[in-house]
Each structure stands twice: as C-alpha cells, then as structure tokens.
Amino acid sequence: MRAKCFVVPIPPGQVYAINDALSAEGAADDYETCLKQLVKNGVIAMSQATGFPWFDVMLLGMGPDGYMSQTSK
C-alpha cells in the first residue's frame, strides 16, 4: 500500500506555531495565552456543548521514547 500525502494550502496567518525558543513550560504558557486571545477575538470558535475551542487541526507531539500524545473528542 502506498502512503498518500496531501498538501493543503493554509494561509500563513492561520498557522500558530509554538515558540521553541522558550522552555517547554514557557512555550505552553505562551501558546495558551495566544489561543485565549484568538478565542476572545472570535478567530477560534467555542463549542456551545463543551465550552472548549474548536480546532480544525491538532498538533500531536512525540516524546523521546516514541510515545505519541493526542487529544481526542
């Protein structure tokens, strides 16, 4: 079976990268602040059912032991 990769043209203004110049804790705090501001400004919608923001794409991280973390609905 052949893997398929799709390139989706995402406008740069819709990509919110984590600041990797900070410590892990600092980057998490910085990203949380960024996301809260995007919600406050109406850029990211809130779910009426859960009260959490809606995301089109989620970042999955891989630890040094190869474990993949994820957030599921």
C-alpha atoms as a PDB file:
ATOM      1  CA  MET A   1       0.000   0.000   0.000  1.00  0.00           C
ATOM      2  CA  ARG A   2       1.299   3.402  -0.883  1.00  0.00           C
ATOM      3  CA  ALA A   3       1.023   6.299   1.578  1.00  0.00           C
ATOM      4  CA  LYS A   4      -0.655   9.411   0.279  1.00  0.00           C
ATOM      5  CA  CYS A   5       0.248  12.881   1.409  1.00  0.00           C
ATOM      6  CA  PHE A   6      -1.952  15.829   0.665  1.00  0.00           C
ATOM      7  CA  VAL A   7      -0.703  19.383   0.565  1.00  0.00           C
ATOM      8  CA  VAL A   8      -3.321  21.800   1.807  1.00  0.00           C
ATOM      9  CA  PRO A   9      -2.730  25.479   1.123  1.00  0.00           C
ATOM     10  CA  ILE A  10      -3.081  27.059   4.564  1.00  0.00           C
ATOM     11  CA  PRO A  11      -2.677  30.843   4.710  1.00  0.00           C
ATOM     12  CA  PRO A  12       0.319  31.767   6.903  1.00  0.00           C
ATOM     13  CA  GLY A  13      -1.960  33.974   9.025  1.00  0.00           C
ATOM     14  CA  GLN A  14      -3.831  30.850  10.121  1.00  0.00           C
ATOM     15  CA  VAL A  15      -0.778  28.987  11.437  1.00  0.00           C
ATOM     16  CA  TYR A  16       0.053  29.499  15.108  1.00  0.00           C
ATOM     17  CA  ALA A  17       3.421  27.961  15.881  1.00  0.00           C
ATOM     18  CA  ILE A  18       4.795  27.163  19.300  1.00  0.00           C
ATOM     19  CA  ASN A  19       7.750  29.331  20.329  1.00  0.00           C
ATOM     20  CA  ASP A  20      10.518  26.735  20.534  1.00  0.00           C
ATOM     21  CA  ALA A  21      12.983  29.319  21.892  1.00  0.00           C
ATOM     22  CA  LEU A  22      11.206  29.065  25.269  1.00  0.00           C
ATOM     23  CA  SER A  23      11.317  26.276  27.825  1.00  0.00           C
ATOM     24  CA  ALA A  24       8.566  23.666  27.474  1.00  0.00           C
ATOM     25  CA  GLU A  25       6.612  25.282  30.312  1.00  0.00           C
ATOM     26  CA  GLY A  26       7.157  28.783  28.933  1.00  0.00           C
ATOM     27  CA  ALA A  27       6.129  27.723  25.430  1.00  0.00           C
ATOM     28  CA  ALA A  28       2.965  26.076  26.789  1.00  0.00           C
ATOM     29  CA  ASP A  29       2.060  29.215  28.750  1.00  0.00           C
ATOM     30  CA  ASP A  30       2.775  31.418  25.732  1.00  0.00           C
ATOM     31  CA  TYR A  31       0.667  29.212  23.432  1.00  0.00           C
ATOM     32  CA  GLU A  32      -2.194  29.137  25.936  1.00  0.00           C
ATOM     33  CA  THR A  33      -2.157  32.943  26.032  1.00  0.00           C
ATOM     34  CA  CYS A  34      -2.182  33.052  22.225  1.00  0.00           C
ATOM     35  CA  LEU A  35      -5.138  30.638  21.998  1.00  0.00           C
ATOM     36  CA  LYS A  36      -7.119  32.536  24.648  1.00  0.00           C
ATOM     37  CA  GLN A  37      -6.595  35.762  22.697  1.00  0.00           C
ATOM     38  CA  LEU A  38      -7.745  34.085  19.464  1.00  0.00           C
ATOM     39  CA  VAL A  39     -10.907  32.868  21.220  1.00  0.00           C
ATOM     40  CA  LYS A  40     -11.511  36.310  22.742  1.00  0.00           C
ATOM     41  CA  ASN A  41     -11.154  37.937  19.303  1.00  0.00           C
ATOM     42  CA  GLY A  42     -13.527  35.419  17.693  1.00  0.00           C
ATOM     43  CA  VAL A  43     -10.845  33.886  15.471  1.00  0.00           C
ATOM     44  CA  ILE A  44     -11.376  30.483  17.098  1.00  0.00           C
ATOM     45  CA  ALA A  45     -14.980  29.483  17.798  1.00  0.00           C
ATOM     46  CA  MET A  46     -16.131  27.951  21.076  1.00  0.00           C
ATOM     47  CA  SER A  47     -18.247  24.809  21.283  1.00  0.00           C
ATOM     48  CA  GLN A  48     -21.570  25.594  22.936  1.00  0.00           C
ATOM     49  CA  ALA A  49     -21.786  21.988  24.149  1.00  0.00           C
ATOM     50  CA  THR A  50     -18.371  21.751  25.836  1.00  0.00           C
ATOM     51  CA  GLY A  51     -17.173  25.321  26.291  1.00  0.00           C
ATOM     52  CA  PHE A  52     -13.878  24.390  24.649  1.00  0.00           C
ATOM     53  CA  PRO A  53     -12.447  25.907  21.449  1.00  0.00           C
ATOM     54  CA  TRP A  54     -12.991  24.194  18.092  1.00  0.00           C
ATOM     55  CA  PHE A  55      -9.855  23.224  16.175  1.00  0.00           C
ATOM     56  CA  ASP A  56      -9.559  22.119  12.548  1.00  0.00           C
ATOM     57  CA  VAL A  57      -6.140  20.575  13.148  1.00  0.00           C
ATOM     58  CA  MET A  58      -4.482  19.394  16.339  1.00  0.00           C
ATOM     59  CA  LEU A  59      -0.768  19.100  16.968  1.00  0.00           C
ATOM     60  CA  LEU A  60       0.398  15.674  18.039  1.00  0.00           C
ATOM     61  CA  GLY A  61       3.686  15.509  19.896  1.00  0.00           C
ATOM     62  CA  MET A  62       6.105  12.624  20.093  1.00  0.00           C
ATOM     63  CA  GLY A  63       8.194  12.120  23.204  1.00  0.00           C
ATOM     64  CA  PRO A  64      11.773  10.873  23.310  1.00  0.00           C
ATOM     65  CA  ASP A  65      10.531   7.330  23.963  1.00  0.00           C
ATOM     66  CA  GLY A  66       8.429   7.373  20.780  1.00  0.00           C
ATOM     67  CA  TYR A  67       5.132   7.729  22.632  1.00  0.00           C
ATOM     68  CA  MET A  68       2.621   9.839  20.696  1.00  0.00           C
ATOM     69  CA  SER A  69       0.376  12.133  22.693  1.00  0.00           C
ATOM     70  CA  GLN A  70      -3.010  13.182  21.399  1.00  0.00           C
ATOM     71  CA  THR A  71      -6.189  14.921  22.381  1.00  0.00           C
ATOM     72  CA  SER A  72      -9.421  13.218  21.372  1.00  0.00           C
ATOM     73  CA  LYS A  73     -13.049  14.252  21.374  1.00  0.00           C
END
